[in-house]
Amino acid sequence: MTTEVDDTLSMIRDQAARLLSKNAAPEHLNALLDQASGFDRVLWASAVEQGWPAVSVPEELGGIGLGWRGLCTLMEEAGRKAVSIPLTSNAVTFTAALASGNAQLIERYANPLASGEIIASLAFSEPGDAGLGQRPNLQYVDGKLSGAKAQAAFAAIADVALVHADAAGETVLVLVPLDQPNVTRHVAATLDNARAAAGLEFNAASAQRLGTSGDTAFAEATALAALATAFEQIGGASSCMEMARDYALERRAFGQPIGRFQAIKHKIADMYWRIEIARGCAFDALEAYEQKNPLWIGLAAAARLAAIEAFDFSARENIQTHGGLGVTWEAMPHHYYRRARCLALELGSSQSWRNHLLSSVGYDNAVQ
């Protein structure tokens, strides 16, 4: 990475932190939890105005040209403030559309995705399945999509969904507009309503296949989503650690800050090493992807696993450090716990990603 790119990323990080701080007050975040599909449209409009959806888009296509590293920088800052915006889903869908090589498809979807004009949802999970099935139940026949997908982030408000479906025994990636009568959105309250999640049901809905697709295309799409999400989880975990540290230095018990007690010190130290391991795994995967190293998908799986562990642990221990205050509606810890749980499941459970990791290193007897 050149010094110029590094300076640009630092500038974008600072600008993102300032913008997100204005939208991360507990009162504002609580309001998004009060109703199902509590999407933050004000924040999204501000992000679009600053060009965030185009940060990973190549300059020759009208984007900012900072690649996945730029996107991951923004997602880490979003994670730090526990805000929820569809940057990852738009970027993954844009990449899949661009890879199709279909000029009509690129014009219809890729450009609006890069500008933030439309919002995408990644609907990969099967109903009743905690993983990401390589053989989906969703059927794609003669340009029509039939079946269902489990709840997916931003599906309640998205304009288009990227799904994987079965086409005569082959796994294919398909783009389906959600504003058609043959698509039904099942919106329900969730642990984190700010994710605007919904289940999707398709009844011979019009959809467009992306290129030849296949298992490799699906694996790459999920790995890219996992990589960006890992940085979001690292950002959230870091905020949990810092929040716990600051409270431990302020809260006093038995005449001294609780941070002087070994139990609290160990909690915060355990958060730190988990976060640093996740950060190292995430940067290894990012660098491998940038260098077109074929091992990058396996490294993305490792980053996914480490980031789930880091965020889950840090969110729990942050609440424990705060004691009774940590579970109150007015305090921030519950927002991070909600987000940690949702991000841990949206792209498939830890067990399914362990299987991906084992398969990537040649161990084919992974437990299903």
Protein backbone atom coordinates (compact mmCIF):
# COMPACT_ATOMS: atom_id res chain seq x y z
CA MET A 1 0.00 0.00 0.00
CA THR A 2 1.41 3.36 -1.03
CA THR A 3 1.78 6.35 1.26
CA GLU A 4 -0.81 8.23 -0.80
CA VAL A 5 -3.40 5.46 -0.35
CA ASP A 6 -2.56 5.20 3.35
CA ASP A 7 -3.11 8.94 3.79
CA THR A 8 -6.41 8.76 1.90
CA LEU A 9 -7.62 5.90 4.09
CA SER A 10 -6.68 7.81 7.23
CA MET A 11 -8.61 10.83 6.00
CA ILE A 12 -11.65 8.70 5.17
CA ARG A 13 -11.46 7.01 8.57
CA ASP A 14 -11.42 10.39 10.34
CA GLN A 15 -14.31 11.74 8.28
CA ALA A 16 -16.32 8.56 8.87
CA ALA A 17 -15.71 8.70 12.61
CA ARG A 18 -16.99 12.27 12.78
CA LEU A 19 -20.10 11.54 10.74
CA LEU A 20 -20.96 8.35 12.59
CA SER A 21 -20.48 9.96 16.01
CA LYS A 22 -23.39 12.27 15.21
CA ASN A 23 -25.64 9.27 14.58
CA ALA A 24 -24.63 7.00 17.44
CA ALA A 25 -26.25 8.63 20.48
CA PRO A 26 -28.04 6.02 22.62
CA GLU A 27 -31.36 7.79 22.11
CA HIS A 28 -31.04 7.60 18.33
CA LEU A 29 -29.94 3.96 18.30
CA ASN A 30 -32.72 3.03 20.73
CA ALA A 31 -35.29 4.59 18.42
CA LEU A 32 -34.17 2.25 15.62
CA LEU A 33 -34.84 -0.74 17.88
CA ASP A 34 -38.42 0.27 18.65
CA GLN A 35 -39.84 -1.11 15.42
CA ALA A 36 -39.09 -3.88 12.98
CA SER A 37 -36.96 -2.80 10.00
CA GLY A 38 -35.72 0.31 11.80
CA PHE A 39 -33.37 1.31 9.01
CA ASP A 40 -31.38 4.54 9.51
CA ARG A 41 -32.27 6.36 6.30
CA VAL A 42 -30.79 9.66 7.50
CA LEU A 43 -27.37 8.09 8.03
CA TRP A 44 -27.57 6.23 4.72
CA ALA A 45 -28.36 9.47 2.89
CA SER A 46 -25.31 11.10 4.49
CA ALA A 47 -23.10 8.13 3.57
CA VAL A 48 -24.32 8.27 -0.04
CA GLU A 49 -23.67 12.00 -0.17
CA GLN A 50 -20.05 11.39 0.87
CA GLY A 51 -19.62 8.65 -1.74
CA TRP A 52 -19.17 5.70 0.61
CA PRO A 53 -20.94 3.13 -1.61
CA ALA A 54 -18.35 3.90 -4.32
CA VAL A 55 -15.28 3.60 -2.11
CA SER A 56 -14.34 0.13 -3.43
CA VAL A 57 -15.39 0.84 -7.03
CA PRO A 58 -12.50 1.28 -9.52
CA GLU A 59 -11.82 4.84 -10.63
CA GLU A 60 -12.31 3.95 -14.29
CA LEU A 61 -15.90 3.03 -13.40
CA GLY A 62 -16.53 6.31 -11.58
CA GLY A 63 -15.64 5.12 -8.09
CA ILE A 64 -13.14 6.24 -5.46
CA GLY A 65 -10.83 3.32 -6.26
CA LEU A 66 -9.73 2.28 -2.75
CA GLY A 67 -10.76 -1.33 -3.24
CA TRP A 68 -11.85 -3.67 -0.49
CA ARG A 69 -9.36 -2.03 1.89
CA GLY A 70 -11.33 1.20 1.68
CA LEU A 71 -14.60 -0.61 2.30
CA CYS A 72 -13.16 -2.48 5.29
CA THR A 73 -11.93 0.81 6.75
CA LEU A 74 -15.47 2.20 6.64
CA MET A 75 -16.99 -0.99 8.02
CA GLU A 76 -14.61 -0.98 10.98
CA GLU A 77 -15.73 2.55 11.83
CA ALA A 78 -19.38 1.56 11.43
CA GLY A 79 -18.77 -1.31 13.83
CA ARG A 80 -17.17 1.02 16.36
CA LYS A 81 -20.35 3.10 16.54
CA ALA A 82 -22.81 0.19 16.30
CA VAL A 83 -24.53 1.74 13.28
CA SER A 84 -26.03 -0.34 10.50
CA ILE A 85 -25.63 0.56 6.81
CA PRO A 86 -25.67 -1.73 3.73
CA LEU A 87 -22.18 -0.95 2.44
CA THR A 88 -21.08 -4.59 2.46
CA SER A 89 -24.16 -5.94 0.69
CA ASN A 90 -23.97 -3.23 -1.98
CA ALA A 91 -20.26 -3.82 -2.56
CA VAL A 92 -20.58 -7.62 -2.80
CA THR A 93 -23.54 -7.35 -5.17
CA PHE A 94 -21.69 -4.77 -7.30
CA THR A 95 -18.65 -7.05 -7.52
CA ALA A 96 -20.82 -10.01 -8.55
CA ALA A 97 -22.65 -7.95 -11.19
CA LEU A 98 -19.38 -6.60 -12.58
CA ALA A 99 -17.88 -10.09 -12.77
CA SER A 100 -20.82 -11.23 -14.89
CA GLY A 101 -19.51 -9.16 -17.81
CA ASN A 102 -23.10 -8.42 -18.86
CA ALA A 103 -23.20 -4.78 -19.99
CA GLN A 104 -26.98 -4.54 -19.62
CA LEU A 105 -26.84 -6.01 -16.14
CA ILE A 106 -24.01 -3.69 -15.12
CA GLU A 107 -25.91 -0.67 -16.38
CA ARG A 108 -29.09 -1.71 -14.59
CA TYR A 109 -27.60 -2.68 -11.24
CA ALA A 110 -23.88 -2.01 -10.82
CA ASN A 111 -23.92 1.73 -11.38
CA PRO A 112 -26.94 2.39 -9.10
CA LEU A 113 -25.38 0.19 -6.41
CA ALA A 114 -22.12 2.14 -6.58
CA SER A 115 -23.95 5.44 -6.30
CA GLY A 116 -26.17 4.27 -3.45
CA GLU A 117 -29.27 4.90 -5.56
CA ILE A 118 -30.44 1.36 -4.78
CA ILE A 119 -29.81 -0.94 -1.80
CA ALA A 120 -28.93 -4.63 -1.99
CA SER A 121 -29.47 -7.48 0.44
CA LEU A 122 -27.41 -10.67 0.60
CA ALA A 123 -29.97 -13.44 1.06
CA PHE A 124 -27.90 -16.60 1.28
CA SER A 125 -29.33 -18.45 4.29
CA GLU A 126 -31.85 -21.24 3.88
CA PRO A 127 -34.90 -21.46 6.16
CA GLY A 128 -34.14 -23.73 9.09
CA ASP A 129 -30.42 -23.97 8.26
CA ALA A 130 -27.76 -22.29 10.40
CA GLY A 131 -25.16 -22.53 7.67
CA LEU A 132 -24.84 -21.47 4.04
CA GLY A 133 -25.90 -24.50 2.07
CA GLN A 134 -23.88 -25.11 -1.06
CA ARG A 135 -26.98 -26.75 -2.56
CA PRO A 136 -29.83 -24.27 -2.07
CA ASN A 137 -33.51 -25.22 -2.11
CA LEU A 138 -34.38 -22.09 -4.10
CA GLN A 139 -35.10 -23.06 -7.72
CA TYR A 140 -34.19 -20.99 -10.79
CA VAL A 141 -35.89 -22.11 -14.00
CA ASP A 142 -36.25 -20.13 -17.25
CA GLY A 143 -35.53 -16.80 -15.59
CA LYS A 144 -37.98 -17.40 -12.73
CA LEU A 145 -37.16 -17.86 -9.05
CA SER A 146 -39.26 -19.98 -6.70
CA GLY A 147 -38.74 -20.80 -3.04
CA ALA A 148 -37.71 -18.93 0.08
CA LYS A 149 -34.72 -17.48 1.88
CA ALA A 150 -34.37 -17.02 5.61
CA GLN A 151 -34.20 -13.59 7.21
CA ALA A 152 -31.49 -11.46 5.64
CA ALA A 153 -30.12 -8.09 6.70
CA PHE A 154 -31.67 -5.09 4.88
CA ALA A 155 -34.12 -7.33 2.99
CA ALA A 156 -37.02 -5.35 4.48
CA ILE A 157 -35.94 -2.16 2.68
CA ALA A 158 -33.69 -3.37 -0.16
CA ASP A 159 -34.41 -2.83 -3.85
CA VAL A 160 -32.64 -5.98 -5.02
CA ALA A 161 -31.40 -9.22 -3.46
CA LEU A 162 -28.39 -11.33 -4.37
CA VAL A 163 -29.28 -14.98 -3.78
CA HIS A 164 -27.91 -18.36 -4.69
CA ALA A 165 -30.26 -20.86 -6.28
CA ASP A 166 -30.31 -24.28 -7.89
CA ALA A 167 -30.47 -24.30 -11.69
CA ALA A 168 -30.70 -27.87 -12.95
CA GLY A 169 -28.27 -29.10 -10.30
CA GLU A 170 -25.86 -26.18 -10.55
CA THR A 171 -25.49 -23.50 -7.89
CA VAL A 172 -25.93 -20.07 -9.48
CA LEU A 173 -25.89 -16.50 -8.27
CA VAL A 174 -29.06 -14.60 -9.14
CA LEU A 175 -30.14 -10.98 -8.84
CA VAL A 176 -33.82 -10.49 -8.11
CA PRO A 177 -35.67 -7.14 -7.87
CA LEU A 178 -37.77 -7.05 -4.72
CA ASP A 179 -40.38 -4.55 -5.91
CA GLN A 180 -42.42 -7.10 -7.88
CA PRO A 181 -45.70 -8.75 -6.86
CA ASN A 182 -44.18 -12.23 -6.97
CA VAL A 183 -41.89 -11.40 -4.04
CA THR A 184 -43.16 -11.41 -0.45
CA ARG A 185 -41.16 -9.93 2.41
CA HIS A 186 -41.78 -11.39 5.84
CA VAL A 187 -40.77 -8.68 8.31
CA ALA A 188 -40.63 -9.55 12.01
CA ALA A 189 -39.08 -8.00 15.09
CA THR A 190 -35.57 -9.32 15.78
CA LEU A 191 -32.91 -8.92 18.43
CA ASP A 192 -31.47 -6.03 16.39
CA ASN A 193 -34.19 -4.26 14.42
CA ALA A 194 -31.65 -1.77 13.03
CA ARG A 195 -30.57 -4.53 10.61
CA ALA A 196 -33.92 -4.18 8.75
CA ALA A 197 -34.08 -7.95 8.31
CA ALA A 198 -36.81 -9.87 6.51
CA GLY A 199 -37.43 -13.31 5.11
CA LEU A 200 -38.02 -13.51 1.37
CA GLU A 201 -40.48 -15.70 -0.51
CA PHE A 202 -40.41 -15.99 -4.31
CA ASN A 203 -43.27 -17.27 -6.44
CA ALA A 204 -41.94 -17.46 -10.00
CA ALA A 205 -40.30 -14.07 -9.53
CA SER A 206 -38.38 -12.57 -12.43
CA ALA A 207 -34.63 -12.74 -11.79
CA GLN A 208 -31.39 -12.59 -13.72
CA ARG A 209 -28.57 -15.07 -13.48
CA LEU A 210 -25.03 -13.70 -13.11
CA GLY A 211 -22.74 -15.27 -15.69
CA THR A 212 -21.90 -18.94 -15.38
CA SER A 213 -21.81 -18.62 -11.59
CA GLY A 214 -21.18 -21.98 -9.91
CA ASP A 215 -19.81 -22.94 -6.51
CA THR A 216 -16.71 -20.77 -6.91
CA ALA A 217 -18.69 -17.59 -7.52
CA PHE A 218 -20.86 -18.28 -4.47
CA ALA A 219 -17.81 -19.04 -2.32
CA GLU A 220 -16.13 -15.80 -3.40
CA ALA A 221 -19.25 -13.72 -2.70
CA THR A 222 -19.68 -15.13 0.79
CA ALA A 223 -15.96 -14.79 1.54
CA LEU A 224 -15.98 -11.12 0.52
CA ALA A 225 -19.01 -10.50 2.73
CA ALA A 226 -17.33 -12.34 5.60
CA LEU A 227 -14.14 -10.30 5.20
CA ALA A 228 -15.90 -6.91 5.35
CA THR A 229 -18.09 -8.13 8.22
CA ALA A 230 -14.99 -9.24 10.13
CA PHE A 231 -13.71 -5.68 10.11
CA GLU A 232 -17.13 -4.47 11.30
CA GLN A 233 -16.97 -7.00 14.14
CA ILE A 234 -13.43 -5.94 15.03
CA GLY A 235 -14.57 -2.33 15.23
CA GLY A 236 -17.44 -3.29 17.53
CA ALA A 237 -15.21 -5.44 19.72
CA SER A 238 -12.66 -2.61 20.03
CA SER A 239 -15.36 -0.22 21.21
CA CYS A 240 -16.52 -2.78 23.77
CA MET A 241 -12.99 -3.12 25.12
CA GLU A 242 -12.48 0.64 25.31
CA MET A 243 -15.88 1.13 26.93
CA ALA A 244 -15.13 -1.52 29.56
CA ARG A 245 -11.68 -0.05 30.21
CA ASP A 246 -12.99 3.49 30.66
CA TYR A 247 -15.77 2.37 32.98
CA ALA A 248 -13.33 0.24 35.01
CA LEU A 249 -11.14 3.31 35.56
CA GLU A 250 -14.12 5.43 36.60
CA ARG A 251 -16.27 3.08 38.71
CA ARG A 252 -15.09 2.70 42.26
CA ALA A 253 -15.71 -0.09 44.76
CA PHE A 254 -14.15 -0.61 48.16
CA GLY A 255 -12.37 2.71 47.84
CA GLN A 256 -10.60 2.07 44.53
CA PRO A 257 -11.34 1.81 40.78
CA ILE A 258 -12.68 -1.61 39.84
CA GLY A 259 -10.01 -1.72 37.16
CA ARG A 260 -7.50 -2.54 39.88
CA PHE A 261 -9.15 -5.90 40.56
CA GLN A 262 -7.61 -8.90 38.84
CA ALA A 263 -10.94 -10.21 37.55
CA ILE A 264 -11.59 -6.98 35.64
CA LYS A 265 -8.01 -6.75 34.37
CA HIS A 266 -8.27 -10.28 33.01
CA LYS A 267 -11.55 -9.55 31.25
CA ILE A 268 -10.07 -6.58 29.40
CA ALA A 269 -6.82 -8.40 28.62
CA ASP A 270 -8.79 -11.32 27.19
CA MET A 271 -10.74 -8.91 25.01
CA TYR A 272 -7.49 -7.39 23.76
CA TRP A 273 -5.78 -10.58 22.60
CA ARG A 274 -8.92 -11.87 20.90
CA ILE A 275 -9.31 -8.59 19.00
CA GLU A 276 -5.66 -8.56 17.93
CA ILE A 277 -5.84 -12.15 16.68
CA ALA A 278 -8.98 -11.29 14.70
CA ARG A 279 -7.33 -8.17 13.30
CA GLY A 280 -4.28 -10.14 12.17
CA CYS A 281 -6.46 -12.77 10.49
CA ALA A 282 -8.56 -10.08 8.77
CA PHE A 283 -5.53 -8.25 7.38
CA ASP A 284 -3.97 -11.52 6.21
CA ALA A 285 -7.15 -12.30 4.28
CA LEU A 286 -7.39 -8.76 2.90
CA GLU A 287 -3.80 -8.78 1.66
CA ALA A 288 -4.24 -12.23 0.12
CA TYR A 289 -7.35 -11.03 -1.72
CA GLU A 290 -5.57 -7.92 -3.00
CA GLN A 291 -2.65 -10.05 -4.22
CA LYS A 292 -5.01 -12.59 -5.85
CA ASN A 293 -3.61 -15.34 -3.66
CA PRO A 294 -5.88 -18.40 -4.13
CA LEU A 295 -5.72 -19.03 -0.38
CA TRP A 296 -7.68 -15.87 0.37
CA ILE A 297 -11.05 -17.63 0.73
CA GLY A 298 -9.70 -19.89 3.45
CA LEU A 299 -8.07 -16.92 5.17
CA ALA A 300 -11.41 -15.08 5.02
CA ALA A 301 -13.01 -18.04 6.81
CA ALA A 302 -10.35 -17.80 9.53
CA ALA A 303 -10.98 -14.06 9.85
CA ARG A 304 -14.72 -14.72 10.12
CA LEU A 305 -14.23 -17.21 12.95
CA ALA A 306 -11.78 -15.02 14.87
CA ALA A 307 -13.98 -11.93 14.50
CA ILE A 308 -17.09 -13.75 15.74
CA GLU A 309 -15.19 -14.90 18.83
CA ALA A 310 -13.70 -11.47 19.49
CA PHE A 311 -16.96 -9.53 19.18
CA ASP A 312 -19.11 -12.07 21.05
CA PHE A 313 -16.66 -12.27 23.94
CA SER A 314 -16.05 -8.53 24.15
CA ALA A 315 -19.76 -7.67 24.03
CA ARG A 316 -20.54 -10.11 26.84
CA GLU A 317 -17.66 -9.08 29.04
CA ASN A 318 -18.38 -5.39 28.49
CA ILE A 319 -21.84 -5.95 29.97
CA GLN A 320 -20.34 -7.89 32.87
CA THR A 321 -17.82 -5.14 33.58
CA HIS A 322 -20.61 -2.56 33.73
CA GLY A 323 -22.63 -4.72 36.12
CA GLY A 324 -26.28 -3.73 36.52
CA LEU A 325 -25.75 -0.61 34.40
CA GLY A 326 -24.71 -2.79 31.46
CA VAL A 327 -28.20 -4.20 30.92
CA THR A 328 -30.10 -0.91 31.06
CA TRP A 329 -31.88 0.47 28.00
CA GLU A 330 -30.16 3.85 28.27
CA ALA A 331 -26.61 2.48 28.26
CA MET A 332 -24.69 1.43 25.13
CA PRO A 333 -23.52 -2.14 25.93
CA HIS A 334 -26.74 -3.82 24.85
CA HIS A 335 -26.43 -2.35 21.33
CA TYR A 336 -23.08 -4.06 20.84
CA TYR A 337 -24.35 -7.34 22.26
CA ARG A 338 -27.32 -7.28 19.88
CA ARG A 339 -25.07 -6.50 16.93
CA ALA A 340 -22.53 -9.17 17.91
CA ARG A 341 -25.22 -11.84 17.98
CA CYS A 342 -26.74 -10.82 14.65
CA LEU A 343 -23.44 -10.52 12.80
CA ALA A 344 -22.41 -13.93 14.15
CA LEU A 345 -25.38 -15.59 12.44
CA GLU A 346 -26.24 -13.55 9.33
CA LEU A 347 -23.62 -15.18 7.10
CA GLY A 348 -23.85 -18.62 8.64
CA SER A 349 -22.85 -20.01 12.00
CA SER A 350 -19.33 -20.56 13.30
CA GLN A 351 -19.68 -24.28 12.68
CA SER A 352 -20.37 -23.78 8.97
CA TRP A 353 -17.35 -21.50 8.65
CA ARG A 354 -15.18 -24.05 10.46
CA ASN A 355 -16.22 -26.48 7.76
CA HIS A 356 -15.27 -23.94 5.08
CA LEU A 357 -11.88 -23.45 6.72
CA LEU A 358 -11.22 -27.18 7.01
CA SER A 359 -12.21 -27.72 3.39
CA SER A 360 -9.90 -24.92 2.25
CA VAL A 361 -6.88 -26.67 3.80
CA GLY A 362 -7.78 -30.01 2.23
CA TYR A 363 -9.57 -31.65 5.13
CA ASP A 364 -12.71 -33.02 3.46
CA ASN A 365 -14.14 -34.84 6.46
CA ALA A 366 -15.43 -31.66 8.13
CA VAL A 367 -18.40 -32.28 10.40
CA GLN A 368 -21.61 -31.19 8.70
